[in-house]
N, C-alpha and C. Protein backbone atom coordinates (compact mmCIF):
# COMPACT_ATOMS: atom_id res chain seq x y z
N UNK A 1 -7.67 -7.23 -3.83
CA UNK A 1 -6.61 -7.28 -2.86
C UNK A 1 -6.91 -8.31 -1.79
N UNK A 2 -5.92 -9.20 -1.59
CA UNK A 2 -6.06 -10.24 -0.57
C UNK A 2 -4.90 -10.19 0.40
N UNK A 3 -5.21 -9.98 1.68
CA UNK A 3 -4.14 -10.01 2.70
C UNK A 3 -4.01 -11.45 3.21
N UNK A 4 -2.76 -11.98 3.11
CA UNK A 4 -2.53 -13.33 3.53
C UNK A 4 -1.63 -13.33 4.79
N UNK A 5 -2.22 -13.82 5.89
CA UNK A 5 -1.52 -13.81 7.15
C UNK A 5 -1.48 -15.17 7.82
N UNK A 6 -1.76 -16.20 7.06
CA UNK A 6 -1.80 -17.56 7.63
C UNK A 6 -0.53 -18.33 7.37
N UNK A 7 0.41 -17.71 6.67
CA UNK A 7 1.72 -18.33 6.42
C UNK A 7 2.83 -17.33 6.83
N UNK A 8 4.04 -17.80 6.83
CA UNK A 8 5.17 -16.97 7.19
C UNK A 8 5.96 -16.51 5.94
N UNK A 9 6.50 -15.32 6.06
CA UNK A 9 7.41 -14.86 5.01
C UNK A 9 8.60 -15.80 4.98
N UNK A 10 9.15 -16.03 3.78
CA UNK A 10 10.26 -16.92 3.52
C UNK A 10 9.93 -18.40 3.57
N UNK A 11 8.67 -18.74 3.79
CA UNK A 11 8.26 -20.14 3.81
C UNK A 11 8.07 -20.63 2.34
N UNK A 12 8.02 -21.92 2.10
CA UNK A 12 7.75 -22.42 0.74
C UNK A 12 6.45 -21.92 0.20
N UNK A 13 5.42 -21.83 1.05
CA UNK A 13 4.13 -21.34 0.58
C UNK A 13 4.18 -19.87 0.15
N UNK A 14 4.96 -19.08 0.88
CA UNK A 14 5.16 -17.67 0.54
C UNK A 14 5.88 -17.53 -0.81
N UNK A 15 6.92 -18.31 -0.98
CA UNK A 15 7.67 -18.28 -2.25
C UNK A 15 6.78 -18.69 -3.41
N UNK A 16 5.92 -19.68 -3.21
CA UNK A 16 5.06 -20.14 -4.28
C UNK A 16 4.11 -19.05 -4.73
N UNK A 17 3.62 -18.23 -3.80
CA UNK A 17 2.68 -17.13 -4.16
C UNK A 17 3.37 -15.99 -4.90
N UNK A 18 4.69 -15.95 -4.87
CA UNK A 18 5.42 -14.86 -5.48
C UNK A 18 5.94 -15.24 -6.89
N UNK A 19 5.73 -16.45 -7.32
CA UNK A 19 6.21 -16.87 -8.64
C UNK A 19 5.60 -16.05 -9.75
N UNK A 20 6.45 -15.46 -10.60
CA UNK A 20 5.96 -14.71 -11.71
C UNK A 20 5.15 -13.48 -11.34
N UNK A 21 5.45 -12.94 -10.14
CA UNK A 21 4.67 -11.79 -9.62
C UNK A 21 5.59 -10.66 -9.28
N UNK A 22 5.18 -9.40 -9.58
CA UNK A 22 5.99 -8.24 -9.34
C UNK A 22 5.79 -7.78 -7.88
N UNK A 23 6.88 -7.71 -7.15
CA UNK A 23 6.85 -7.24 -5.79
C UNK A 23 7.57 -5.91 -5.70
N UNK A 24 7.65 -5.41 -4.46
CA UNK A 24 8.27 -4.08 -4.28
C UNK A 24 9.74 -4.08 -4.61
N UNK A 25 10.44 -5.18 -4.34
CA UNK A 25 11.88 -5.21 -4.58
C UNK A 25 12.26 -5.27 -6.07
N UNK A 26 11.28 -5.61 -6.91
CA UNK A 26 11.57 -5.76 -8.36
C UNK A 26 10.96 -4.59 -9.21
N UNK A 27 10.14 -3.74 -8.59
CA UNK A 27 9.42 -2.77 -9.39
C UNK A 27 10.36 -1.80 -10.10
N UNK A 28 11.47 -1.43 -9.46
CA UNK A 28 12.39 -0.48 -10.12
C UNK A 28 13.01 -1.11 -11.37
N UNK A 29 13.31 -2.42 -11.35
CA UNK A 29 13.82 -3.07 -12.53
C UNK A 29 12.77 -3.22 -13.61
N UNK A 30 11.49 -3.33 -13.20
CA UNK A 30 10.38 -3.44 -14.10
C UNK A 30 10.22 -2.18 -14.92
N UNK A 31 10.37 -1.01 -14.29
CA UNK A 31 10.18 0.27 -14.98
C UNK A 31 11.46 0.91 -15.48
N UNK A 32 12.56 0.16 -15.38
CA UNK A 32 13.87 0.69 -15.76
C UNK A 32 13.94 1.03 -17.25
N UNK A 33 14.52 2.15 -17.59
CA UNK A 33 14.68 2.60 -18.97
C UNK A 33 16.11 3.13 -19.16
N UNK A 34 16.59 3.01 -20.36
CA UNK A 34 17.95 3.56 -20.67
C UNK A 34 17.92 5.06 -20.57
N UNK A 35 19.05 5.59 -20.12
CA UNK A 35 19.14 7.08 -19.99
C UNK A 35 20.25 7.64 -20.87
N UNK A 36 20.88 6.82 -21.74
CA UNK A 36 21.92 7.37 -22.60
C UNK A 36 21.31 7.98 -23.85
N UNK A 37 22.13 8.70 -24.60
CA UNK A 37 21.62 9.45 -25.77
C UNK A 37 21.20 8.57 -26.91
N UNK A 38 21.66 7.34 -26.97
CA UNK A 38 21.31 6.47 -28.11
C UNK A 38 20.07 5.66 -27.93
N UNK A 39 19.71 5.43 -26.64
CA UNK A 39 18.51 4.60 -26.36
C UNK A 39 17.68 5.28 -25.33
N UNK A 40 17.10 6.43 -25.66
CA UNK A 40 16.38 7.24 -24.66
C UNK A 40 15.12 6.48 -24.14
N UNK A 41 14.54 5.65 -24.92
CA UNK A 41 13.34 4.99 -24.50
C UNK A 41 13.46 3.43 -24.54
N UNK A 42 14.68 3.00 -24.70
CA UNK A 42 14.84 1.52 -24.78
C UNK A 42 14.82 0.88 -23.42
N UNK A 43 14.52 -0.35 -23.37
CA UNK A 43 14.45 -1.06 -22.11
C UNK A 43 15.83 -1.60 -21.70
N UNK A 44 16.13 -1.59 -20.50
CA UNK A 44 17.44 -1.95 -20.01
C UNK A 44 17.59 -3.45 -19.92
N UNK A 45 18.86 -3.90 -19.77
CA UNK A 45 19.16 -5.29 -19.61
C UNK A 45 18.57 -5.88 -18.35
N UNK A 46 18.47 -5.10 -17.32
CA UNK A 46 17.90 -5.63 -16.06
C UNK A 46 16.44 -5.99 -16.23
N UNK A 47 15.75 -5.24 -17.02
CA UNK A 47 14.29 -5.52 -17.27
C UNK A 47 14.17 -6.86 -18.04
N UNK A 48 15.01 -6.98 -19.06
CA UNK A 48 14.96 -8.23 -19.86
C UNK A 48 15.30 -9.44 -19.05
N UNK A 49 16.32 -9.30 -18.20
CA UNK A 49 16.71 -10.41 -17.35
C UNK A 49 15.61 -10.80 -16.39
N UNK A 50 14.87 -9.76 -15.93
CA UNK A 50 13.76 -10.02 -15.01
C UNK A 50 12.64 -10.76 -15.74
N UNK A 51 12.38 -10.39 -17.00
CA UNK A 51 11.39 -11.12 -17.80
C UNK A 51 11.75 -12.62 -17.89
N UNK A 52 13.02 -12.87 -18.22
CA UNK A 52 13.47 -14.26 -18.33
C UNK A 52 13.35 -14.98 -17.00
N UNK A 53 13.67 -14.29 -15.96
CA UNK A 53 13.62 -14.89 -14.63
C UNK A 53 12.18 -15.28 -14.25
N UNK A 54 11.23 -14.35 -14.50
CA UNK A 54 9.86 -14.61 -14.11
C UNK A 54 9.23 -15.70 -14.93
N UNK A 55 9.53 -15.72 -16.24
CA UNK A 55 8.99 -16.80 -17.08
C UNK A 55 9.62 -18.15 -16.69
N UNK A 56 10.87 -18.09 -16.31
CA UNK A 56 11.55 -19.28 -15.82
C UNK A 56 10.92 -19.80 -14.55
N UNK A 57 10.50 -18.91 -13.70
CA UNK A 57 9.79 -19.29 -12.47
C UNK A 57 8.48 -19.98 -12.79
N UNK A 58 7.76 -19.42 -13.73
CA UNK A 58 6.44 -19.96 -14.11
C UNK A 58 6.59 -21.35 -14.69
N UNK A 59 7.59 -21.52 -15.56
CA UNK A 59 7.77 -22.81 -16.20
C UNK A 59 8.26 -23.89 -15.22
N UNK A 60 9.07 -23.49 -14.28
CA UNK A 60 9.65 -24.42 -13.34
C UNK A 60 8.86 -24.65 -12.07
N UNK A 61 7.99 -23.61 -11.75
CA UNK A 61 7.27 -23.72 -10.49
C UNK A 61 8.14 -23.42 -9.29
N UNK A 62 9.28 -22.78 -9.54
CA UNK A 62 10.23 -22.50 -8.43
C UNK A 62 10.57 -21.04 -8.43
N UNK A 63 10.51 -20.41 -7.25
CA UNK A 63 10.85 -19.00 -7.09
C UNK A 63 12.38 -18.83 -7.15
N UNK A 64 12.83 -17.88 -7.96
CA UNK A 64 14.26 -17.62 -8.04
C UNK A 64 14.82 -17.15 -6.70
N UNK A 65 15.91 -17.75 -6.30
CA UNK A 65 16.58 -17.39 -5.04
C UNK A 65 17.91 -16.71 -5.40
N UNK A 66 17.97 -15.40 -5.28
CA UNK A 66 19.14 -14.68 -5.61
C UNK A 66 20.21 -14.74 -4.54
N UNK A 67 21.33 -14.08 -4.84
CA UNK A 67 22.47 -14.02 -3.90
C UNK A 67 22.05 -13.24 -2.68
N UNK A 68 22.39 -13.77 -1.49
CA UNK A 68 22.09 -13.11 -0.22
C UNK A 68 23.42 -12.72 0.42
N UNK A 69 23.72 -11.43 0.47
CA UNK A 69 24.96 -10.96 1.02
C UNK A 69 24.90 -10.98 2.58
N UNK A 70 26.04 -10.80 3.21
CA UNK A 70 26.09 -10.74 4.65
C UNK A 70 25.21 -9.62 5.18
N UNK A 71 25.25 -8.46 4.55
CA UNK A 71 24.42 -7.35 5.04
C UNK A 71 22.93 -7.63 4.89
N UNK A 72 22.56 -8.31 3.77
CA UNK A 72 21.15 -8.64 3.56
C UNK A 72 20.68 -9.66 4.62
N UNK A 73 21.53 -10.62 4.95
CA UNK A 73 21.20 -11.64 5.94
C UNK A 73 21.05 -10.98 7.29
N UNK A 74 21.95 -10.07 7.66
CA UNK A 74 21.84 -9.39 8.95
C UNK A 74 20.60 -8.50 8.98
N UNK A 75 20.28 -7.91 7.84
CA UNK A 75 19.09 -7.04 7.78
C UNK A 75 17.82 -7.83 8.17
N UNK A 76 17.72 -9.06 7.63
CA UNK A 76 16.59 -9.91 7.95
C UNK A 76 16.56 -10.29 9.40
N UNK A 77 17.75 -10.57 9.95
CA UNK A 77 17.84 -11.03 11.34
C UNK A 77 17.48 -9.88 12.32
N UNK A 78 17.73 -8.64 11.97
CA UNK A 78 17.47 -7.53 12.86
C UNK A 78 16.09 -6.91 12.63
N UNK A 79 15.34 -7.41 11.65
CA UNK A 79 14.06 -6.79 11.31
C UNK A 79 13.09 -6.82 12.50
N UNK A 80 12.96 -7.91 13.17
CA UNK A 80 12.04 -8.03 14.29
C UNK A 80 12.41 -7.03 15.37
N UNK A 81 13.70 -6.94 15.63
CA UNK A 81 14.19 -5.99 16.66
C UNK A 81 13.84 -4.58 16.30
N UNK A 82 14.08 -4.25 15.01
CA UNK A 82 13.76 -2.85 14.53
C UNK A 82 12.26 -2.60 14.62
N UNK A 83 11.45 -3.58 14.29
CA UNK A 83 9.98 -3.43 14.32
C UNK A 83 9.55 -3.13 15.73
N UNK A 84 10.13 -3.88 16.70
CA UNK A 84 9.73 -3.70 18.07
C UNK A 84 10.14 -2.35 18.58
N UNK A 85 11.32 -1.84 18.21
CA UNK A 85 11.78 -0.54 18.63
C UNK A 85 10.91 0.54 18.05
N UNK A 86 10.55 0.39 16.77
CA UNK A 86 9.66 1.35 16.12
C UNK A 86 8.35 1.44 16.89
N UNK A 87 7.75 0.30 17.22
CA UNK A 87 6.49 0.33 17.97
C UNK A 87 6.68 1.00 19.32
N UNK A 88 7.82 0.81 19.98
CA UNK A 88 8.10 1.41 21.25
C UNK A 88 8.15 2.90 21.15
N UNK A 89 8.83 3.44 20.17
CA UNK A 89 9.02 4.88 20.14
C UNK A 89 7.88 5.64 19.53
N UNK A 90 7.01 4.92 18.75
CA UNK A 90 5.84 5.56 18.13
C UNK A 90 4.55 5.28 18.88
N UNK A 91 4.52 4.19 19.65
CA UNK A 91 3.33 3.84 20.38
C UNK A 91 2.28 3.22 19.52
N UNK A 92 2.61 2.72 18.37
CA UNK A 92 1.63 2.09 17.47
C UNK A 92 1.90 0.62 17.37
N UNK A 93 0.83 -0.13 17.05
CA UNK A 93 0.94 -1.57 16.87
C UNK A 93 1.20 -1.87 15.39
N UNK A 94 2.20 -2.69 15.14
CA UNK A 94 2.56 -3.07 13.77
C UNK A 94 2.06 -4.49 13.52
N UNK A 95 1.22 -4.64 12.51
CA UNK A 95 0.65 -5.92 12.16
C UNK A 95 1.56 -6.62 11.14
N UNK A 96 1.93 -7.85 11.37
CA UNK A 96 2.72 -8.58 10.44
C UNK A 96 1.86 -9.50 9.57
N UNK A 97 2.05 -9.43 8.29
CA UNK A 97 1.37 -10.32 7.33
C UNK A 97 2.43 -10.87 6.40
N UNK A 98 2.07 -11.98 5.76
CA UNK A 98 3.05 -12.58 4.81
C UNK A 98 3.07 -11.89 3.50
N UNK A 99 1.87 -11.56 2.98
CA UNK A 99 1.77 -11.11 1.61
C UNK A 99 0.44 -10.43 1.37
N UNK A 100 0.43 -9.47 0.45
CA UNK A 100 -0.78 -8.93 -0.05
C UNK A 100 -0.81 -9.15 -1.57
N UNK A 101 -1.69 -9.97 -2.03
CA UNK A 101 -1.84 -10.26 -3.47
C UNK A 101 -2.83 -9.33 -4.13
N UNK A 102 -2.51 -8.89 -5.27
CA UNK A 102 -3.39 -7.95 -6.04
C UNK A 102 -3.44 -8.49 -7.48
N UNK A 103 -4.15 -9.58 -7.66
CA UNK A 103 -4.18 -10.23 -8.96
C UNK A 103 -3.04 -11.26 -9.06
N UNK A 104 -2.94 -11.95 -10.14
CA UNK A 104 -1.95 -13.02 -10.26
C UNK A 104 -0.51 -12.60 -10.42
N UNK A 105 -0.28 -11.35 -10.80
CA UNK A 105 1.11 -10.92 -11.12
C UNK A 105 1.55 -9.69 -10.34
N UNK A 106 0.87 -9.32 -9.27
CA UNK A 106 1.26 -8.18 -8.47
C UNK A 106 1.12 -8.48 -6.99
N UNK A 107 2.08 -8.09 -6.19
CA UNK A 107 2.02 -8.39 -4.75
C UNK A 107 2.92 -7.43 -4.01
N UNK A 108 2.82 -7.45 -2.70
CA UNK A 108 3.76 -6.80 -1.82
C UNK A 108 3.93 -7.65 -0.57
N UNK A 109 5.15 -7.77 -0.06
CA UNK A 109 5.41 -8.45 1.21
C UNK A 109 5.82 -7.39 2.19
N UNK A 110 4.88 -6.79 2.90
CA UNK A 110 5.20 -5.61 3.76
C UNK A 110 5.98 -6.02 5.00
N UNK A 111 6.79 -5.08 5.47
CA UNK A 111 7.47 -5.29 6.75
C UNK A 111 6.50 -5.07 7.93
N UNK A 112 5.37 -4.43 7.66
CA UNK A 112 4.37 -4.26 8.72
C UNK A 112 3.27 -3.32 8.22
N UNK A 113 2.06 -3.53 8.71
CA UNK A 113 0.92 -2.69 8.47
C UNK A 113 0.51 -1.97 9.73
N UNK A 114 0.03 -0.72 9.59
CA UNK A 114 -0.39 0.06 10.74
C UNK A 114 -1.83 0.50 10.53
N UNK A 115 -2.70 -0.12 11.29
CA UNK A 115 -4.18 0.08 11.16
C UNK A 115 -4.55 -0.07 9.70
N UNK A 116 -5.48 0.82 9.21
CA UNK A 116 -5.86 0.78 7.82
C UNK A 116 -5.27 1.91 7.02
N UNK A 117 -4.31 2.62 7.58
CA UNK A 117 -3.85 3.84 6.92
C UNK A 117 -2.36 3.79 6.57
N UNK A 118 -1.55 3.05 7.30
CA UNK A 118 -0.09 3.15 7.14
C UNK A 118 0.61 1.80 7.03
N UNK A 119 1.89 1.84 6.74
CA UNK A 119 2.73 0.66 6.69
C UNK A 119 4.17 1.08 6.96
N UNK A 120 5.03 0.10 7.19
CA UNK A 120 6.45 0.42 7.44
C UNK A 120 7.33 -0.36 6.46
N UNK A 121 8.44 0.26 6.10
CA UNK A 121 9.45 -0.39 5.29
C UNK A 121 10.76 -0.30 6.11
N UNK A 122 11.25 -1.41 6.55
CA UNK A 122 12.42 -1.45 7.47
C UNK A 122 13.68 -1.80 6.74
N UNK A 123 14.75 -1.02 6.99
CA UNK A 123 16.06 -1.32 6.47
C UNK A 123 17.11 -1.24 7.55
N UNK A 124 17.84 -2.33 7.73
CA UNK A 124 18.96 -2.32 8.65
C UNK A 124 20.19 -1.80 7.89
N UNK A 125 20.81 -0.77 8.45
CA UNK A 125 21.88 -0.09 7.74
C UNK A 125 23.18 -0.19 8.47
N UNK A 126 24.31 -0.18 7.68
CA UNK A 126 25.63 -0.07 8.28
C UNK A 126 25.80 1.38 8.71
N UNK A 127 26.74 1.67 9.60
CA UNK A 127 26.90 3.03 10.12
C UNK A 127 27.05 4.13 9.05
N UNK A 128 27.85 3.89 8.02
CA UNK A 128 28.04 4.93 6.99
C UNK A 128 26.74 5.28 6.25
N UNK A 129 25.92 4.30 5.95
CA UNK A 129 24.65 4.57 5.28
C UNK A 129 23.71 5.28 6.23
N UNK A 130 23.72 4.91 7.51
CA UNK A 130 22.92 5.51 8.51
C UNK A 130 23.27 7.02 8.64
N UNK A 131 24.55 7.33 8.68
CA UNK A 131 25.00 8.70 8.79
C UNK A 131 24.62 9.53 7.55
N UNK A 132 24.75 8.92 6.38
CA UNK A 132 24.38 9.58 5.15
C UNK A 132 22.87 9.94 5.11
N UNK A 133 22.06 8.99 5.53
CA UNK A 133 20.63 9.24 5.55
C UNK A 133 20.25 10.26 6.61
N UNK A 134 20.91 10.19 7.72
CA UNK A 134 20.67 11.17 8.77
C UNK A 134 21.04 12.59 8.28
N UNK A 135 22.09 12.69 7.48
CA UNK A 135 22.56 14.00 7.00
C UNK A 135 21.65 14.51 5.87
N UNK A 136 21.29 13.64 4.97
CA UNK A 136 20.49 14.11 3.76
C UNK A 136 19.01 14.08 3.97
N UNK A 137 18.53 13.15 4.81
CA UNK A 137 17.09 13.01 4.99
C UNK A 137 16.38 12.48 3.76
N UNK A 138 17.12 11.85 2.84
CA UNK A 138 16.54 11.44 1.56
C UNK A 138 16.40 9.92 1.52
N UNK A 139 15.52 9.48 0.61
CA UNK A 139 15.25 8.04 0.36
C UNK A 139 15.66 7.74 -1.08
N UNK A 140 16.39 6.69 -1.29
CA UNK A 140 16.82 6.32 -2.64
C UNK A 140 15.60 6.05 -3.53
N UNK A 141 15.76 6.31 -4.81
CA UNK A 141 14.65 6.15 -5.76
C UNK A 141 14.07 4.76 -5.79
N UNK A 142 14.89 3.73 -5.78
CA UNK A 142 14.37 2.36 -5.83
C UNK A 142 13.57 2.05 -4.57
N UNK A 143 13.99 2.61 -3.42
CA UNK A 143 13.29 2.39 -2.19
C UNK A 143 11.96 3.12 -2.17
N UNK A 144 11.95 4.38 -2.70
CA UNK A 144 10.70 5.12 -2.80
C UNK A 144 9.70 4.40 -3.66
N UNK A 145 10.16 3.88 -4.78
CA UNK A 145 9.28 3.15 -5.70
C UNK A 145 8.73 1.88 -4.99
N UNK A 146 9.55 1.20 -4.27
CA UNK A 146 9.15 0.05 -3.51
C UNK A 146 8.05 0.41 -2.57
N UNK A 147 8.16 1.51 -1.86
CA UNK A 147 7.17 1.94 -0.89
C UNK A 147 5.87 2.39 -1.57
N UNK A 148 5.99 3.12 -2.66
CA UNK A 148 4.76 3.51 -3.41
C UNK A 148 4.01 2.31 -3.94
N UNK A 149 4.81 1.33 -4.40
CA UNK A 149 4.16 0.07 -4.87
C UNK A 149 3.42 -0.61 -3.73
N UNK A 150 4.00 -0.60 -2.59
CA UNK A 150 3.37 -1.19 -1.42
C UNK A 150 2.10 -0.45 -1.01
N UNK A 151 2.11 0.86 -1.11
CA UNK A 151 0.92 1.66 -0.77
C UNK A 151 -0.18 1.38 -1.75
N UNK A 152 0.12 1.23 -3.00
CA UNK A 152 -0.91 0.89 -3.97
C UNK A 152 -1.53 -0.47 -3.72
N UNK A 153 -0.66 -1.45 -3.50
CA UNK A 153 -1.16 -2.83 -3.24
C UNK A 153 -1.98 -2.99 -1.96
N UNK A 154 -1.57 -2.22 -0.94
CA UNK A 154 -2.19 -2.36 0.37
C UNK A 154 -3.36 -1.37 0.56
N UNK A 155 -3.49 -0.34 -0.28
CA UNK A 155 -4.50 0.63 -0.11
C UNK A 155 -4.23 1.64 1.02
N UNK A 156 -2.97 1.67 1.49
CA UNK A 156 -2.62 2.62 2.59
C UNK A 156 -2.27 4.01 1.98
N UNK A 157 -2.17 4.95 2.94
CA UNK A 157 -1.95 6.35 2.58
C UNK A 157 -0.51 6.83 2.85
N UNK A 158 0.21 6.17 3.70
CA UNK A 158 1.58 6.57 3.97
C UNK A 158 2.42 5.36 4.40
N UNK A 159 3.73 5.53 4.26
CA UNK A 159 4.65 4.47 4.65
C UNK A 159 5.81 5.11 5.38
N UNK A 160 6.09 4.61 6.57
CA UNK A 160 7.26 5.07 7.35
C UNK A 160 8.50 4.26 6.91
N UNK A 161 9.48 5.01 6.38
CA UNK A 161 10.77 4.40 6.04
C UNK A 161 11.61 4.34 7.31
N UNK A 162 11.82 3.16 7.79
CA UNK A 162 12.48 2.94 9.08
C UNK A 162 13.89 2.41 8.87
N UNK A 163 14.89 3.24 9.14
CA UNK A 163 16.25 2.80 9.03
C UNK A 163 16.79 2.52 10.46
N UNK A 164 17.34 1.33 10.63
CA UNK A 164 17.83 0.93 11.96
C UNK A 164 19.26 0.50 11.87
N UNK A 165 20.08 1.04 12.79
CA UNK A 165 21.50 0.70 12.82
C UNK A 165 21.83 0.17 14.18
N UNK A 166 21.91 -1.13 14.35
CA UNK A 166 22.15 -1.75 15.67
C UNK A 166 23.59 -1.73 16.10
N UNK A 167 24.45 -1.13 15.26
CA UNK A 167 25.88 -1.17 15.52
C UNK A 167 26.39 0.05 16.28
N UNK A 168 25.56 1.05 16.53
CA UNK A 168 25.95 2.27 17.17
C UNK A 168 26.22 2.06 18.68
N UNK A 169 27.17 2.79 19.21
CA UNK A 169 27.55 2.66 20.61
C UNK A 169 26.94 3.81 21.39
N UNK A 170 26.90 3.64 22.70
CA UNK A 170 26.43 4.72 23.58
C UNK A 170 24.93 4.94 23.51
N UNK A 171 24.51 6.17 23.74
CA UNK A 171 23.11 6.50 23.81
C UNK A 171 22.56 7.08 22.47
N UNK A 172 23.30 6.96 21.40
CA UNK A 172 22.82 7.47 20.13
C UNK A 172 21.62 6.71 19.63
N UNK A 173 20.60 7.44 19.22
CA UNK A 173 19.37 6.83 18.76
C UNK A 173 19.67 6.04 17.45
N UNK A 174 19.41 4.73 17.46
CA UNK A 174 19.74 3.92 16.33
C UNK A 174 18.70 3.88 15.21
N UNK A 175 17.67 4.74 15.27
CA UNK A 175 16.61 4.63 14.31
C UNK A 175 16.29 6.02 13.70
N UNK A 176 16.06 5.97 12.37
CA UNK A 176 15.59 7.13 11.63
C UNK A 176 14.23 6.76 11.01
N UNK A 177 13.26 7.63 11.15
CA UNK A 177 11.99 7.39 10.59
C UNK A 177 11.61 8.54 9.68
N UNK A 178 11.38 8.23 8.39
CA UNK A 178 11.02 9.23 7.40
C UNK A 178 9.67 8.81 6.76
N UNK A 179 8.66 9.66 6.88
CA UNK A 179 7.36 9.31 6.36
C UNK A 179 7.22 9.70 4.90
N UNK A 180 6.77 8.75 4.12
CA UNK A 180 6.54 8.96 2.69
C UNK A 180 5.02 8.92 2.46
N UNK A 181 4.49 9.98 1.88
CA UNK A 181 3.04 9.99 1.62
C UNK A 181 2.75 9.35 0.25
N UNK A 182 1.55 8.88 0.11
CA UNK A 182 1.08 8.30 -1.12
C UNK A 182 1.18 9.29 -2.25
N UNK A 183 1.74 8.91 -3.38
CA UNK A 183 1.92 9.79 -4.54
C UNK A 183 1.28 9.18 -5.75
N UNK A 184 0.08 9.67 -6.08
CA UNK A 184 -0.70 9.05 -7.16
C UNK A 184 -0.02 9.15 -8.52
N UNK A 185 0.73 10.22 -8.74
CA UNK A 185 1.41 10.38 -10.02
C UNK A 185 2.51 9.34 -10.18
N UNK A 186 3.27 9.07 -9.11
CA UNK A 186 4.29 8.06 -9.14
C UNK A 186 3.68 6.66 -9.27
N UNK A 187 2.57 6.45 -8.54
CA UNK A 187 1.89 5.12 -8.62
C UNK A 187 1.40 4.88 -10.04
N UNK A 188 0.86 5.89 -10.68
CA UNK A 188 0.39 5.78 -12.06
C UNK A 188 1.54 5.32 -12.98
N UNK A 189 2.69 5.92 -12.79
CA UNK A 189 3.89 5.58 -13.55
C UNK A 189 4.27 4.12 -13.33
N UNK A 190 4.28 3.71 -12.07
CA UNK A 190 4.64 2.35 -11.78
C UNK A 190 3.65 1.33 -12.31
N UNK A 191 2.35 1.66 -12.19
CA UNK A 191 1.32 0.75 -12.68
C UNK A 191 1.41 0.56 -14.18
N UNK A 192 1.64 1.69 -14.93
CA UNK A 192 1.78 1.56 -16.38
C UNK A 192 2.95 0.70 -16.77
N UNK A 193 4.08 0.91 -16.10
CA UNK A 193 5.24 0.09 -16.38
C UNK A 193 5.04 -1.39 -16.04
N UNK A 194 4.35 -1.63 -14.94
CA UNK A 194 4.07 -3.01 -14.50
C UNK A 194 3.14 -3.69 -15.48
N UNK A 195 2.08 -2.97 -15.93
CA UNK A 195 1.16 -3.60 -16.88
C UNK A 195 1.82 -3.94 -18.20
N UNK A 196 2.74 -3.05 -18.64
CA UNK A 196 3.49 -3.34 -19.89
C UNK A 196 4.38 -4.53 -19.70
N UNK A 197 5.01 -4.61 -18.55
CA UNK A 197 5.91 -5.74 -18.24
C UNK A 197 5.13 -7.05 -18.24
N UNK A 198 3.98 -7.02 -17.62
CA UNK A 198 3.16 -8.27 -17.58
C UNK A 198 2.79 -8.74 -18.95
N UNK A 199 2.39 -7.77 -19.81
CA UNK A 199 2.07 -8.13 -21.20
C UNK A 199 3.27 -8.75 -21.90
N UNK A 200 4.43 -8.16 -21.71
CA UNK A 200 5.67 -8.71 -22.27
C UNK A 200 5.97 -10.08 -21.74
N UNK A 201 5.75 -10.28 -20.46
CA UNK A 201 6.01 -11.56 -19.79
C UNK A 201 5.09 -12.64 -20.37
N UNK A 202 3.81 -12.34 -20.53
CA UNK A 202 2.89 -13.32 -21.09
C UNK A 202 3.24 -13.65 -22.53
N UNK A 203 3.64 -12.62 -23.28
CA UNK A 203 4.04 -12.84 -24.68
C UNK A 203 5.27 -13.73 -24.76
N UNK A 204 6.25 -13.51 -23.90
CA UNK A 204 7.45 -14.33 -23.85
C UNK A 204 7.12 -15.77 -23.47
N UNK A 205 6.24 -15.92 -22.48
CA UNK A 205 5.83 -17.26 -22.03
C UNK A 205 5.22 -18.02 -23.21
N UNK A 206 4.35 -17.38 -23.96
CA UNK A 206 3.71 -18.06 -25.07
C UNK A 206 4.68 -18.40 -26.19
N UNK A 207 5.68 -17.56 -26.38
CA UNK A 207 6.70 -17.85 -27.43
C UNK A 207 7.52 -19.05 -27.06
N UNK A 208 7.95 -19.15 -25.84
CA UNK A 208 8.87 -20.24 -25.48
C UNK A 208 8.16 -21.51 -25.03
N UNK A 209 6.83 -21.44 -24.91
CA UNK A 209 6.06 -22.55 -24.42
C UNK A 209 5.25 -23.23 -25.54
N UNK A 210 5.74 -23.08 -26.76
CA UNK A 210 5.03 -23.68 -27.90
C UNK A 210 5.28 -25.19 -27.96
């Protein structure tokens, strides 16, 4: 495990380190499986597309830049504000790093590290999603997998899921914090899927690079 804090997230150097590497945002696609009655154990189209994308990155030396929606752009813009508010209400210092590399094909780009035990995953939400999360207290499966992947890569024990809604009026608290503890069973599942994906990626690279 290597913590890289000498570059900035979204910089060319940061993108270069992520080429052909599984991060938290892609782990759900990596382990995706069909759920219909005809292909109970077959791999989904999203997994295959991700294989093609990663091998394309390796061959071109360029990190794939996907579509960035208005909500995604605003989420990035409000991340620093959310991180500061989280530090204020919890009284903890959040360390920012660019990347944690764990071998050539695994990494995490954390929203923040807390001492040697915790980390944060920040999501800026529109009001309807904020209300839904406040009501249910639940975390979506792909987000939970992203957080468990980050815990494995960083060696941390828990991750605070921080949902921030800057659009609320009045004195309503704009932040929800849900703590997710490290789950070794889930991590084992993710690691097995990632290792299989990496083998398939290398095999595909060798086939098309003859």
